[in-house]
Protein backbone atom coordinates (compact mmCIF):
# COMPACT_ATOMS: atom_id res chain seq x y z
CA UNK A 1 0.04 -0.01 -0.02
CA UNK A 2 1.74 3.17 -1.20
CA UNK A 3 0.88 6.78 -0.47
CA UNK A 4 2.17 10.12 -1.73
CA UNK A 5 1.53 12.92 0.75
CA UNK A 6 1.74 16.63 0.18
CA UNK A 7 -0.20 18.10 3.08
CA UNK A 8 -3.18 18.32 3.12
CA UNK A 9 -3.35 15.89 0.12
CA UNK A 10 -2.84 12.11 0.46
CA UNK A 11 -2.83 10.03 -2.76
CA UNK A 12 -2.99 6.21 -2.85
CA UNK A 13 -1.07 4.78 -5.77
CA UNK A 14 0.25 1.46 -7.09
CA UNK A 15 3.01 0.51 -9.45
CA UNK A 16 3.57 -2.56 -11.61
CA UNK A 17 6.15 -3.59 -14.17
CA UNK A 18 9.33 -1.93 -15.32
CA UNK A 19 10.45 0.19 -18.24
CA UNK A 20 9.46 3.64 -19.48
CA UNK A 21 6.88 5.17 -17.12
CA UNK A 22 3.21 5.00 -18.12
CA UNK A 23 0.68 6.95 -15.99
CA UNK A 24 -2.69 5.18 -16.08
CA UNK A 25 -5.95 7.00 -15.25
CA UNK A 26 -9.02 4.90 -14.65
CA UNK A 27 -12.51 5.82 -15.83
CA UNK A 28 -15.44 6.33 -13.46
CA UNK A 29 -15.56 10.10 -13.40
CA UNK A 30 -14.82 11.58 -10.00
CA UNK A 31 -15.03 8.05 -8.58
CA UNK A 32 -11.96 6.98 -10.60
CA UNK A 33 -9.97 4.40 -8.67
CA UNK A 34 -7.27 1.83 -9.35
CA UNK A 35 -9.84 -0.95 -8.68
CA UNK A 36 -11.94 0.45 -11.52
CA UNK A 37 -9.29 -0.65 -14.04
CA UNK A 38 -10.23 -4.27 -13.41
CA UNK A 39 -13.97 -3.60 -13.17
CA UNK A 40 -16.73 -4.01 -15.71
CA UNK A 41 -16.60 -0.32 -16.81
CA UNK A 42 -13.02 -0.78 -18.14
CA UNK A 43 -12.80 -2.58 -21.51
CA UNK A 44 -9.30 -3.72 -20.63
CA UNK A 45 -6.79 -3.13 -17.87
CA UNK A 46 -3.73 -1.24 -19.16
CA UNK A 47 -1.63 -2.25 -16.18
CA UNK A 48 -2.17 -5.96 -16.92
CA UNK A 49 -1.72 -5.40 -20.67
CA UNK A 50 1.43 -3.22 -20.51
CA UNK A 51 3.33 -3.99 -17.32
CA UNK A 52 5.55 -6.36 -19.34
CA UNK A 53 7.07 -3.33 -21.12
CA UNK A 54 6.32 -0.28 -18.95
CA UNK A 55 6.49 0.95 -15.40
CA UNK A 56 2.76 1.39 -14.90
CA UNK A 57 1.66 3.90 -12.25
CA UNK A 58 -2.00 4.37 -11.23
CA UNK A 59 -3.71 6.26 -8.38
CA UNK A 60 -7.06 6.70 -6.81
CA UNK A 61 -8.46 10.12 -7.71
CA UNK A 62 -8.53 12.61 -4.85
CA UNK A 63 -11.84 12.19 -2.93
CA UNK A 64 -13.16 9.35 -5.09
CA UNK A 65 -15.82 7.23 -3.38
CA UNK A 66 -14.36 3.77 -2.96
CA UNK A 67 -10.76 5.11 -3.16
CA UNK A 68 -8.14 5.89 -0.57
CA UNK A 69 -6.98 9.33 -1.75
CA UNK A 70 -8.11 12.45 0.01
CA UNK A 71 -7.61 16.17 0.02
CA UNK A 72 -9.43 19.50 0.03
CA UNK A 73 -12.07 20.47 -2.54
CA UNK A 74 -10.37 23.20 -4.46
CA UNK A 75 -13.51 24.89 -5.66
CA UNK A 76 -11.83 27.50 -7.81
CA UNK A 77 -9.54 25.06 -9.67
CA UNK A 78 -11.10 21.57 -9.76
CA UNK A 79 -9.33 20.25 -12.83
CA UNK A 80 -5.97 21.74 -11.91
CA UNK A 81 -6.14 20.31 -8.39
CA UNK A 82 -6.24 16.79 -9.81
CA UNK A 83 -3.53 17.62 -12.34
CA UNK A 84 -1.41 18.81 -9.41
CA UNK A 85 -1.87 15.35 -7.90
CA UNK A 86 -0.89 13.57 -11.11
CA UNK A 87 2.26 15.69 -11.60
CA UNK A 88 3.07 15.69 -7.89
CA UNK A 89 2.94 11.87 -7.85
CA UNK A 90 5.28 11.63 -10.84
CA UNK A 91 7.68 14.09 -9.11
CA UNK A 92 7.50 12.02 -5.93
CA UNK A 93 8.47 8.89 -7.89
CA UNK A 94 11.36 10.68 -9.55
CA UNK A 95 9.73 10.53 -12.99
CA UNK A 96 10.38 13.39 -15.41
CA UNK A 97 9.16 12.23 -18.81
CA UNK A 98 6.34 9.74 -19.09
CA UNK A 99 3.44 8.57 -21.29
CA UNK A 100 -0.16 8.52 -20.14
CA UNK A 101 -3.19 6.34 -20.82
CA UNK A 102 -6.63 7.44 -19.60
CA UNK A 103 -10.21 6.27 -19.84
CA UNK A 104 -13.30 8.49 -19.63
CA UNK A 105 -12.45 11.45 -17.30
CA UNK A 106 -8.85 10.61 -18.15
CA UNK A 107 -9.46 12.37 -21.49
CA UNK A 108 -9.89 15.89 -19.96
CA UNK A 109 -7.18 15.14 -17.50
CA UNK A 110 -4.76 14.24 -20.24
CA UNK A 111 -5.47 17.43 -22.18
CA UNK A 112 -4.82 19.37 -18.96
CA UNK A 113 -1.58 17.52 -18.43
CA UNK A 114 -0.55 18.36 -22.00
CA UNK A 115 -1.36 22.01 -21.29
CA UNK A 116 0.44 22.08 -17.93
CA UNK A 117 3.47 19.93 -18.70
CA UNK A 118 3.86 19.58 -22.49
CA UNK A 119 7.58 18.74 -22.34
CA UNK A 120 7.06 15.87 -19.88
CA UNK A 121 4.59 13.74 -21.83
CA UNK A 122 5.95 11.72 -24.69
CA UNK A 123 2.57 10.43 -25.97
CA UNK A 124 -0.98 9.93 -24.75
CA UNK A 125 -3.80 7.42 -25.25
CA UNK A 126 -7.36 8.68 -24.73
CA UNK A 127 -9.80 5.74 -24.54
CA UNK A 128 -13.55 6.44 -24.57
CA UNK A 129 -12.81 10.11 -23.58
CA UNK A 130 -15.34 12.30 -21.82
CA UNK A 131 -16.64 15.36 -23.70
CA UNK A 132 -19.44 17.81 -23.60
CA UNK A 133 -22.59 17.37 -25.67
CA UNK A 134 -24.43 20.60 -26.60
CA UNK A 135 -27.78 18.90 -26.01
CA UNK A 136 -26.69 17.51 -22.60
CA UNK A 137 -24.61 20.25 -20.99
CA UNK A 138 -25.51 19.29 -17.43
CA UNK A 139 -24.89 15.57 -17.81
CA UNK A 140 -21.72 15.45 -15.74
CA UNK A 141 -23.00 17.92 -13.18
CA UNK A 142 -26.16 15.90 -12.67
CA UNK A 143 -24.40 12.52 -12.56
CA UNK A 144 -21.86 13.67 -9.99
CA UNK A 145 -24.47 15.42 -7.83
CA UNK A 146 -26.12 11.98 -7.57
CA UNK A 147 -23.22 9.55 -7.82
CA UNK A 148 -20.31 11.33 -6.20
CA UNK A 149 -21.23 14.29 -3.98
CA UNK A 150 -23.55 12.46 -1.48
CA UNK A 151 -20.96 9.74 -0.74
CA UNK A 152 -18.22 12.34 -0.22
CA UNK A 153 -20.34 14.47 2.14
CA UNK A 154 -21.39 11.34 4.10
CA UNK A 155 -17.82 10.36 4.93
CA UNK A 156 -16.27 13.84 5.19
CA UNK A 157 -17.86 16.00 7.88
CA UNK A 158 -15.67 18.92 6.73
CA UNK A 159 -17.39 18.94 3.28
CA UNK A 160 -20.91 20.23 2.74
CA UNK A 161 -23.26 19.55 -0.12
CA UNK A 162 -23.09 23.31 -0.97
CA UNK A 163 -19.33 23.06 -1.36
CA UNK A 164 -19.59 19.98 -3.54
CA UNK A 165 -22.20 21.71 -5.66
CA UNK A 166 -19.90 24.76 -6.15
CA UNK A 167 -16.98 22.44 -7.06
CA UNK A 168 -19.09 20.65 -9.72
CA UNK A 169 -20.43 23.99 -11.02
CA UNK A 170 -16.90 25.20 -11.55
CA UNK A 171 -15.81 21.91 -13.03
CA UNK A 172 -18.64 21.22 -15.44
CA UNK A 173 -20.84 24.29 -15.79
CA UNK A 174 -18.50 27.25 -15.98
CA UNK A 175 -16.98 26.34 -19.29
CA UNK A 176 -19.22 23.45 -20.36
CA UNK A 177 -17.81 22.97 -23.86
CA UNK A 178 -15.64 20.53 -25.83
CA UNK A 179 -13.30 18.62 -23.50
CA UNK A 180 -13.68 20.97 -20.45
CA UNK A 181 -10.00 21.59 -19.83
CA UNK A 182 -8.61 23.05 -23.04
CA UNK A 183 -9.79 24.95 -26.11
CA UNK A 184 -9.96 23.82 -29.69
CA UNK A 185 -7.08 26.21 -30.43
CA UNK A 186 -4.95 24.40 -27.88
CA UNK A 187 -5.66 20.99 -29.41
CA UNK A 188 -4.93 22.42 -32.87
CA UNK A 189 -1.47 23.51 -31.72
CA UNK A 190 -0.66 20.44 -29.55
CA UNK A 191 2.27 18.59 -31.11
CA UNK A 192 2.23 15.60 -28.68
CA UNK A 193 1.29 12.32 -30.35
CA UNK A 194 -2.15 11.22 -29.20
CA UNK A 195 -4.16 8.08 -29.93
CA UNK A 196 -7.94 8.41 -29.63
CA UNK A 197 -10.17 5.39 -29.06
CA UNK A 198 -13.66 6.85 -29.49
CA UNK A 199 -16.89 5.76 -27.82
CA UNK A 200 -20.42 6.85 -28.38
CA UNK A 201 -22.46 6.98 -25.17
CA UNK A 202 -23.82 10.14 -23.50
CA UNK A 203 -20.66 10.78 -21.39
CA UNK A 204 -18.24 9.81 -24.18
CA UNK A 205 -19.47 11.57 -27.31
CA UNK A 206 -18.14 10.26 -30.58
CA UNK A 207 -18.32 13.72 -32.22
CA UNK A 208 -16.03 15.32 -29.62
CA UNK A 209 -13.49 12.43 -29.74
CA UNK A 210 -13.35 12.66 -33.52
CA UNK A 211 -13.11 16.45 -33.45
CA UNK A 212 -9.99 16.22 -31.22
CA UNK A 213 -8.56 13.60 -33.53
CA UNK A 214 -9.11 15.80 -36.54
CA UNK A 215 -7.70 18.95 -34.84
CA UNK A 216 -4.59 17.54 -33.17
CA UNK A 217 -1.78 17.49 -35.75
CA UNK A 218 -0.16 14.27 -34.45
CA UNK A 219 -3.37 12.37 -33.66
CA UNK A 220 -4.24 8.82 -34.61
CA UNK A 221 -7.60 7.12 -34.20
CA UNK A 222 -8.62 3.52 -33.63
CA UNK A 223 -11.20 1.51 -35.51
CA UNK A 224 -14.77 2.17 -34.36
CA UNK A 225 -16.56 0.48 -32.70
CA UNK A 226 -13.65 -1.19 -30.94
CA UNK A 227 -15.42 -2.45 -27.80
CA UNK A 228 -18.20 -4.41 -29.52
CA UNK A 229 -18.10 -7.20 -30.42
CA UNK A 230 -15.66 -8.05 -27.62
CA UNK A 231 -13.43 -9.86 -30.08
CA UNK A 232 -12.31 -6.43 -31.28
CA UNK A 233 -10.87 -5.31 -27.93
CA UNK A 234 -7.55 -7.22 -28.36
CA UNK A 235 -7.17 -5.56 -31.75
CA UNK A 236 -7.50 -2.12 -30.10
CA UNK A 237 -5.02 -3.14 -27.40
CA UNK A 238 -2.54 -4.14 -30.13
CA UNK A 239 -2.89 -0.72 -31.68
CA UNK A 240 -2.27 0.91 -28.33
CA UNK A 241 0.83 -1.21 -27.83
CA UNK A 242 2.17 -0.26 -31.29
CA UNK A 243 1.44 3.42 -30.70
CA UNK A 244 3.24 3.41 -27.32
CA UNK A 245 6.23 1.58 -28.77
CA UNK A 246 6.43 4.00 -31.70
CA UNK A 247 6.57 7.04 -29.39
CA UNK A 248 8.55 5.64 -26.42
CA UNK A 249 11.76 7.61 -26.08
CA UNK A 250 14.97 5.68 -26.59
CA UNK A 251 16.61 4.54 -23.38
């Protein structure tokens, strides 16, 4: 059981494998945990798939229900607070340059990492990335008000529902467009190689995933659909492996 602490933040993380560092971000929205990587919501577990070649590093998201990471609700900077945790963990582990693989909420987190630390990320894989649908602008706010905030408030007497609501408003309602964390202009100018594996469910809009793939100058995209039938998932995993190998810095 490993923890990275930077008062008042405490992040639970796990490592597996050896090689070039690969930060793995589980899906599950604000309830993203390491355990989720082996759960039904994850089409495959990147740690199990890639620990033979990479030093895989994963963490429970700060304040995720079911996780062991905790810290304050930074109402004015919700996305950046989590990016602080990701970069702080890599600093703690002595990792400068790394690759990153994220599901779902990992999409917006990866774009924020690319904005905050462009020189540190060699390549990124965005699988079934979250994005904002014009016809469902409050989807993430509503989902988290029901599926995340009550559990957090129940176990944290220092957090009120009003604070959680303000946090979610800043996160999902203040700039409720595109991928939440960066602009289309940023994606258009981002030179980092990215591989997009699109989905098409309410929280993972196909149109937004494909727009990022079309805008980013060094983007690649998987076949679609890649999760169904299930026989296609190994093909997608092979593409991810080829992509990571192609962009892994030389030792």
